[in-house]
Amino acid sequence: MEVSPKSPDGSEKFPQSKELITSNTASTLCMSSRSESVWTSTPRSKWEIYHKPVIVVSVGAATFLFGTVITSLSCFLPHNKNVYKMCGPAFLSLGLMLLVCGLVWIPIIRKKQKQRQKSQFLQSLKSFFFNR
């Protein structure tokens, strides 16, 4: 004899189909995806597009310059020479890494913007010819 599933407290019996929870995950993912925003977004300013890589480049340049100063201090100041020799190259490498990442990020964004413009143009052509 089969017993139908019970609720956690064991008092009520529910059929199998009511236990399945319907999920709106797929529709939520589609609504929040970046690809959908290509067709519905308003034009953004240059700062809104490039602010993240510009910040990364500026932080990287500042860190690189700070590393240069710390490294050069090991040549001029005799006390704490070992600390300067260890920290200076660390800041140099970290700053260089951020600087290069930001500088590579900018052309990637430009390429995506061109692809987005081409996609919008092709979408408008499709809608022009197929919606008649």
N, C-alpha and C. Protein backbone atom coordinates (compact mmCIF):
# COMPACT_ATOMS: atom_id res chain seq x y z
N MET A 1 0.84 -1.18 0.00
CA MET A 1 0.00 0.00 0.00
C MET A 1 0.89 1.24 0.00
N GLU A 2 0.60 2.17 -0.93
CA GLU A 2 1.41 3.38 -1.05
C GLU A 2 0.83 4.48 -0.19
N VAL A 3 1.72 5.19 0.46
CA VAL A 3 1.29 6.30 1.29
C VAL A 3 1.65 7.58 0.54
N SER A 4 0.68 8.49 0.41
CA SER A 4 0.97 9.74 -0.28
C SER A 4 1.85 10.61 0.61
N PRO A 5 2.63 11.49 0.00
CA PRO A 5 3.56 12.33 0.78
C PRO A 5 2.82 13.23 1.76
N LYS A 6 3.47 13.49 2.87
CA LYS A 6 2.89 14.34 3.90
C LYS A 6 3.67 15.63 4.01
N SER A 7 3.05 16.61 4.60
CA SER A 7 3.72 17.87 4.85
C SER A 7 4.76 17.66 5.94
N PRO A 8 5.66 18.61 6.15
CA PRO A 8 6.71 18.43 7.17
C PRO A 8 6.18 18.14 8.57
N ASP A 9 5.03 18.68 8.92
CA ASP A 9 4.51 18.40 10.26
C ASP A 9 3.75 17.08 10.31
N GLY A 10 3.50 16.46 9.15
CA GLY A 10 2.88 15.14 9.08
C GLY A 10 1.39 15.15 9.19
N SER A 11 0.74 16.32 9.19
CA SER A 11 -0.69 16.36 9.42
C SER A 11 -1.50 16.25 8.14
N GLU A 12 -1.05 16.85 7.05
CA GLU A 12 -1.85 16.89 5.83
C GLU A 12 -1.21 16.04 4.75
N LYS A 13 -2.07 15.50 3.89
CA LYS A 13 -1.57 14.74 2.74
C LYS A 13 -1.74 15.59 1.49
N PHE A 14 -0.68 15.63 0.67
CA PHE A 14 -0.71 16.39 -0.56
C PHE A 14 -0.43 15.46 -1.73
N PRO A 15 -1.11 15.65 -2.84
CA PRO A 15 -0.77 14.86 -4.02
C PRO A 15 0.63 15.23 -4.52
N GLN A 16 1.22 14.35 -5.30
CA GLN A 16 2.59 14.52 -5.78
C GLN A 16 2.74 15.80 -6.59
N SER A 17 1.77 16.16 -7.39
CA SER A 17 1.89 17.31 -8.28
C SER A 17 1.95 18.63 -7.53
N LYS A 18 1.34 18.72 -6.36
CA LYS A 18 1.36 19.97 -5.62
C LYS A 18 2.69 20.22 -4.94
N GLU A 19 3.50 19.16 -4.81
CA GLU A 19 4.79 19.36 -4.17
C GLU A 19 5.79 20.03 -5.10
N LEU A 20 5.58 19.90 -6.38
CA LEU A 20 6.49 20.53 -7.33
C LEU A 20 6.30 22.03 -7.28
N ILE A 21 7.38 22.70 -7.12
CA ILE A 21 7.33 24.16 -7.02
C ILE A 21 7.64 24.74 -8.39
N THR A 22 6.76 25.58 -8.86
CA THR A 22 7.02 26.22 -10.15
C THR A 22 8.04 27.31 -9.94
N SER A 23 8.95 27.39 -10.87
CA SER A 23 10.04 28.34 -10.73
C SER A 23 10.02 29.32 -11.88
N ASN A 24 10.29 30.56 -11.56
CA ASN A 24 10.40 31.61 -12.56
C ASN A 24 11.85 31.92 -12.85
N THR A 25 12.71 30.98 -12.58
CA THR A 25 14.15 31.23 -12.73
C THR A 25 14.50 31.55 -14.17
N ALA A 26 13.97 30.80 -15.11
CA ALA A 26 14.32 31.02 -16.51
C ALA A 26 13.89 32.41 -16.97
N SER A 27 12.68 32.81 -16.62
CA SER A 27 12.22 34.13 -17.05
C SER A 27 13.00 35.23 -16.33
N THR A 28 13.37 34.98 -15.08
CA THR A 28 14.16 35.98 -14.35
C THR A 28 15.53 36.13 -14.97
N LEU A 29 16.13 35.01 -15.35
CA LEU A 29 17.45 35.08 -15.98
C LEU A 29 17.40 35.81 -17.30
N CYS A 30 16.35 35.56 -18.08
CA CYS A 30 16.24 36.24 -19.36
C CYS A 30 16.05 37.74 -19.18
N MET A 31 15.27 38.11 -18.17
CA MET A 31 15.01 39.52 -17.96
C MET A 31 16.26 40.25 -17.47
N SER A 32 17.11 39.56 -16.70
CA SER A 32 18.26 40.24 -16.15
C SER A 32 19.53 40.03 -16.95
N SER A 33 19.44 39.33 -18.08
CA SER A 33 20.65 39.05 -18.84
C SER A 33 21.12 40.30 -19.56
N ARG A 34 22.40 40.32 -19.83
CA ARG A 34 22.96 41.49 -20.50
C ARG A 34 22.60 41.51 -21.97
N SER A 35 22.39 40.34 -22.56
CA SER A 35 22.11 40.29 -23.99
C SER A 35 20.77 40.94 -24.33
N GLU A 36 19.82 40.87 -23.43
CA GLU A 36 18.53 41.50 -23.69
C GLU A 36 18.65 43.02 -23.63
N SER A 37 19.53 43.51 -22.79
CA SER A 37 19.67 44.96 -22.66
C SER A 37 20.25 45.60 -23.91
N VAL A 38 20.81 44.77 -24.81
CA VAL A 38 21.34 45.31 -26.07
C VAL A 38 20.22 45.97 -26.87
N TRP A 39 19.03 45.37 -26.82
CA TRP A 39 17.94 45.88 -27.64
C TRP A 39 17.12 46.94 -26.94
N THR A 40 17.16 46.97 -25.63
CA THR A 40 16.27 47.88 -24.91
C THR A 40 16.98 49.04 -24.24
N SER A 41 18.29 49.05 -24.19
CA SER A 41 18.98 50.07 -23.42
C SER A 41 19.05 51.39 -24.18
N THR A 42 19.10 52.46 -23.42
CA THR A 42 19.27 53.78 -24.00
C THR A 42 20.75 54.04 -24.20
N PRO A 43 21.12 54.94 -25.07
CA PRO A 43 22.54 55.23 -25.29
C PRO A 43 23.19 55.75 -24.01
N ARG A 44 24.38 55.27 -23.74
CA ARG A 44 25.09 55.67 -22.52
C ARG A 44 26.22 56.61 -22.88
N SER A 45 26.62 57.41 -21.92
CA SER A 45 27.72 58.35 -22.15
C SER A 45 29.05 57.60 -22.13
N LYS A 46 30.08 58.25 -22.59
CA LYS A 46 31.41 57.63 -22.63
C LYS A 46 31.89 57.28 -21.22
N TRP A 47 31.59 58.14 -20.26
CA TRP A 47 32.03 57.87 -18.89
C TRP A 47 31.34 56.63 -18.33
N GLU A 48 30.06 56.45 -18.61
CA GLU A 48 29.35 55.26 -18.13
C GLU A 48 29.92 53.99 -18.75
N ILE A 49 30.41 54.09 -19.97
CA ILE A 49 30.97 52.92 -20.65
C ILE A 49 32.38 52.61 -20.16
N TYR A 50 33.21 53.63 -20.04
CA TYR A 50 34.64 53.43 -19.78
C TYR A 50 35.08 53.72 -18.35
N HIS A 51 34.17 53.96 -17.40
CA HIS A 51 34.62 54.38 -16.07
C HIS A 51 35.38 53.29 -15.33
N LYS A 52 35.01 52.04 -15.48
CA LYS A 52 35.72 50.98 -14.76
C LYS A 52 37.15 50.81 -15.25
N PRO A 53 37.40 50.69 -16.56
CA PRO A 53 38.80 50.57 -16.97
C PRO A 53 39.63 51.82 -16.70
N VAL A 54 39.01 52.98 -16.74
CA VAL A 54 39.75 54.21 -16.44
C VAL A 54 40.17 54.21 -14.97
N ILE A 55 39.30 53.77 -14.09
CA ILE A 55 39.64 53.69 -12.67
C ILE A 55 40.74 52.68 -12.45
N VAL A 56 40.66 51.52 -13.12
CA VAL A 56 41.70 50.49 -12.97
C VAL A 56 43.04 51.01 -13.48
N VAL A 57 43.04 51.72 -14.61
CA VAL A 57 44.28 52.27 -15.15
C VAL A 57 44.86 53.31 -14.20
N SER A 58 44.03 54.18 -13.66
CA SER A 58 44.54 55.23 -12.77
C SER A 58 45.06 54.65 -11.45
N VAL A 59 44.37 53.66 -10.90
CA VAL A 59 44.86 53.02 -9.67
C VAL A 59 46.15 52.27 -9.96
N GLY A 60 46.23 51.61 -11.11
CA GLY A 60 47.45 50.91 -11.49
C GLY A 60 48.62 51.85 -11.68
N ALA A 61 48.38 52.99 -12.31
CA ALA A 61 49.46 53.96 -12.52
C ALA A 61 49.92 54.54 -11.18
N ALA A 62 48.98 54.83 -10.30
CA ALA A 62 49.35 55.36 -8.98
C ALA A 62 50.14 54.33 -8.17
N THR A 63 49.71 53.08 -8.22
CA THR A 63 50.43 52.02 -7.50
C THR A 63 51.82 51.80 -8.09
N PHE A 64 51.92 51.86 -9.41
CA PHE A 64 53.22 51.72 -10.06
C PHE A 64 54.16 52.84 -9.67
N LEU A 65 53.64 54.08 -9.64
CA LEU A 65 54.48 55.21 -9.23
C LEU A 65 54.88 55.10 -7.75
N PHE A 66 53.95 54.64 -6.92
CA PHE A 66 54.26 54.44 -5.51
C PHE A 66 55.36 53.38 -5.35
N GLY A 67 55.28 52.32 -6.12
CA GLY A 67 56.32 51.29 -6.11
C GLY A 67 57.65 51.82 -6.57
N THR A 68 57.64 52.71 -7.54
CA THR A 68 58.89 53.33 -8.01
C THR A 68 59.51 54.17 -6.92
N VAL A 69 58.70 54.93 -6.22
CA VAL A 69 59.20 55.77 -5.13
C VAL A 69 59.76 54.91 -4.00
N ILE A 70 59.04 53.87 -3.63
CA ILE A 70 59.49 52.99 -2.54
C ILE A 70 60.79 52.30 -2.93
N THR A 71 60.90 51.86 -4.17
CA THR A 71 62.12 51.19 -4.63
C THR A 71 63.29 52.16 -4.64
N SER A 72 63.04 53.39 -5.07
CA SER A 72 64.13 54.37 -5.09
C SER A 72 64.54 54.79 -3.68
N LEU A 73 63.63 54.69 -2.72
CA LEU A 73 64.00 55.01 -1.34
C LEU A 73 65.05 54.04 -0.80
N SER A 74 65.05 52.81 -1.30
CA SER A 74 66.05 51.85 -0.83
C SER A 74 67.46 52.27 -1.25
N CYS A 75 67.56 53.08 -2.29
CA CYS A 75 68.88 53.56 -2.72
C CYS A 75 69.34 54.76 -1.88
N PHE A 76 68.41 55.57 -1.42
CA PHE A 76 68.77 56.81 -0.76
C PHE A 76 68.76 56.73 0.77
N LEU A 77 67.89 55.93 1.34
CA LEU A 77 67.80 55.86 2.79
C LEU A 77 68.46 54.58 3.30
N PRO A 78 69.43 54.71 4.21
CA PRO A 78 70.13 53.50 4.68
C PRO A 78 69.31 52.67 5.68
N HIS A 79 68.43 53.29 6.46
CA HIS A 79 67.64 52.53 7.43
C HIS A 79 66.39 51.95 6.74
N ASN A 80 65.98 50.78 7.19
CA ASN A 80 64.85 50.03 6.63
C ASN A 80 65.05 49.70 5.15
N LYS A 81 66.28 49.48 4.76
CA LYS A 81 66.59 49.21 3.36
C LYS A 81 65.93 47.91 2.88
N ASN A 82 65.93 46.90 3.74
CA ASN A 82 65.34 45.61 3.35
C ASN A 82 63.83 45.72 3.14
N VAL A 83 63.17 46.53 3.95
CA VAL A 83 61.72 46.71 3.80
C VAL A 83 61.41 47.38 2.47
N TYR A 84 62.18 48.39 2.13
CA TYR A 84 61.97 49.07 0.86
C TYR A 84 62.24 48.14 -0.32
N LYS A 85 63.26 47.31 -0.19
CA LYS A 85 63.61 46.39 -1.28
C LYS A 85 62.55 45.31 -1.46
N MET A 86 61.81 44.97 -0.40
CA MET A 86 60.76 43.96 -0.53
C MET A 86 59.44 44.57 -0.98
N CYS A 87 59.07 45.71 -0.43
CA CYS A 87 57.77 46.31 -0.73
C CYS A 87 57.75 47.02 -2.08
N GLY A 88 58.85 47.63 -2.45
CA GLY A 88 58.91 48.39 -3.70
C GLY A 88 58.57 47.56 -4.93
N PRO A 89 59.27 46.45 -5.16
CA PRO A 89 58.94 45.62 -6.33
C PRO A 89 57.54 45.02 -6.27
N ALA A 90 57.02 44.77 -5.08
CA ALA A 90 55.65 44.25 -4.98
C ALA A 90 54.65 45.28 -5.49
N PHE A 91 54.82 46.54 -5.08
CA PHE A 91 53.94 47.60 -5.57
C PHE A 91 54.16 47.85 -7.06
N LEU A 92 55.41 47.75 -7.51
CA LEU A 92 55.69 47.91 -8.94
C LEU A 92 54.94 46.87 -9.76
N SER A 93 55.03 45.61 -9.35
CA SER A 93 54.38 44.55 -10.13
C SER A 93 52.86 44.64 -10.05
N LEU A 94 52.33 44.96 -8.88
CA LEU A 94 50.88 45.10 -8.74
C LEU A 94 50.36 46.26 -9.59
N GLY A 95 51.07 47.38 -9.55
CA GLY A 95 50.66 48.53 -10.35
C GLY A 95 50.75 48.26 -11.83
N LEU A 96 51.81 47.57 -12.25
CA LEU A 96 51.96 47.24 -13.66
C LEU A 96 50.86 46.29 -14.12
N MET A 97 50.51 45.34 -13.27
CA MET A 97 49.45 44.39 -13.61
C MET A 97 48.11 45.13 -13.79
N LEU A 98 47.76 46.01 -12.86
CA LEU A 98 46.51 46.76 -12.97
C LEU A 98 46.52 47.68 -14.19
N LEU A 99 47.66 48.30 -14.44
CA LEU A 99 47.78 49.21 -15.58
C LEU A 99 47.56 48.47 -16.89
N VAL A 100 48.19 47.32 -17.04
CA VAL A 100 48.05 46.55 -18.28
C VAL A 100 46.63 46.00 -18.42
N CYS A 101 46.05 45.52 -17.32
CA CYS A 101 44.67 45.01 -17.38
C CYS A 101 43.70 46.10 -17.82
N GLY A 102 43.85 47.28 -17.28
CA GLY A 102 42.97 48.38 -17.67
C GLY A 102 43.17 48.80 -19.12
N LEU A 103 44.44 48.81 -19.55
CA LEU A 103 44.72 49.21 -20.94
C LEU A 103 44.23 48.16 -21.93
N VAL A 104 44.19 46.91 -21.56
CA VAL A 104 43.66 45.87 -22.44
C VAL A 104 42.14 45.87 -22.43
N TRP A 105 41.56 46.26 -21.31
CA TRP A 105 40.12 46.28 -21.15
C TRP A 105 39.46 47.30 -22.09
N ILE A 106 40.09 48.41 -22.33
CA ILE A 106 39.51 49.48 -23.15
C ILE A 106 39.25 49.02 -24.59
N PRO A 107 40.20 48.39 -25.30
CA PRO A 107 39.87 47.92 -26.65
C PRO A 107 38.81 46.83 -26.67
N ILE A 108 38.74 46.02 -25.62
CA ILE A 108 37.70 45.00 -25.55
C ILE A 108 36.33 45.66 -25.50
N ILE A 109 36.20 46.71 -24.70
CA ILE A 109 34.92 47.43 -24.61
C ILE A 109 34.58 48.08 -25.95
N ARG A 110 35.59 48.64 -26.62
CA ARG A 110 35.33 49.25 -27.93
C ARG A 110 34.82 48.23 -28.92
N LYS A 111 35.43 47.04 -28.92
CA LYS A 111 35.00 45.98 -29.83
C LYS A 111 33.57 45.56 -29.53
N LYS A 112 33.22 45.44 -28.26
CA LYS A 112 31.86 45.07 -27.89
C LYS A 112 30.87 46.15 -28.31
N GLN A 113 31.27 47.41 -28.19
CA GLN A 113 30.37 48.50 -28.60
C GLN A 113 30.11 48.45 -30.11
N LYS A 114 31.16 48.15 -30.89
CA LYS A 114 30.97 48.04 -32.34
C LYS A 114 30.07 46.87 -32.68
N GLN A 115 30.25 45.73 -32.00
CA GLN A 115 29.39 44.58 -32.24
C GLN A 115 27.95 44.90 -31.86
N ARG A 116 27.77 45.62 -30.78
CA ARG A 116 26.43 45.98 -30.33
C ARG A 116 25.75 46.89 -31.35
N GLN A 117 26.52 47.84 -31.92
CA GLN A 117 25.94 48.73 -32.93
C GLN A 117 25.56 47.95 -34.18
N LYS A 118 26.42 47.00 -34.58
CA LYS A 118 26.09 46.18 -35.75
C LYS A 118 24.85 45.34 -35.48
N SER A 119 24.74 44.79 -34.29
CA SER A 119 23.59 43.97 -33.94
C SER A 119 22.31 44.79 -33.96
N GLN A 120 22.37 46.00 -33.45
CA GLN A 120 21.19 46.86 -33.45
C GLN A 120 20.79 47.23 -34.88
N PHE A 121 21.80 47.45 -35.73
CA PHE A 121 21.51 47.77 -37.13
C PHE A 121 20.85 46.59 -37.83
N LEU A 122 21.41 45.39 -37.61
CA LEU A 122 20.83 44.20 -38.23
C LEU A 122 19.43 43.92 -37.68
N GLN A 123 19.22 44.16 -36.42
CA GLN A 123 17.89 43.96 -35.83
C GLN A 123 16.88 44.94 -36.43
N SER A 124 17.29 46.17 -36.65
CA SER A 124 16.37 47.14 -37.24
C SER A 124 16.07 46.78 -38.70
N LEU A 125 17.08 46.25 -39.41
CA LEU A 125 16.83 45.80 -40.78
C LEU A 125 15.84 44.63 -40.80
N LYS A 126 16.03 43.69 -39.87
CA LYS A 126 15.12 42.55 -39.79
C LYS A 126 13.70 43.01 -39.51
N SER A 127 13.56 43.90 -38.56
CA SER A 127 12.21 44.36 -38.22
C SER A 127 11.60 45.16 -39.36
N PHE A 128 12.42 45.87 -40.13
CA PHE A 128 11.91 46.64 -41.26
C PHE A 128 11.36 45.72 -42.34
N PHE A 129 12.11 44.65 -42.67
CA PHE A 129 11.68 43.78 -43.76
C PHE A 129 10.62 42.76 -43.35
N PHE A 130 10.68 42.26 -42.12
CA PHE A 130 9.77 41.20 -41.73
C PHE A 130 8.49 41.68 -41.06
N ASN A 131 8.41 42.94 -40.71
CA ASN A 131 7.20 43.45 -40.05
C ASN A 131 6.30 44.21 -41.01
N ARG A 132 6.37 43.91 -42.26
CA ARG A 132 5.51 44.60 -43.23
C ARG A 132 4.25 43.85 -43.48
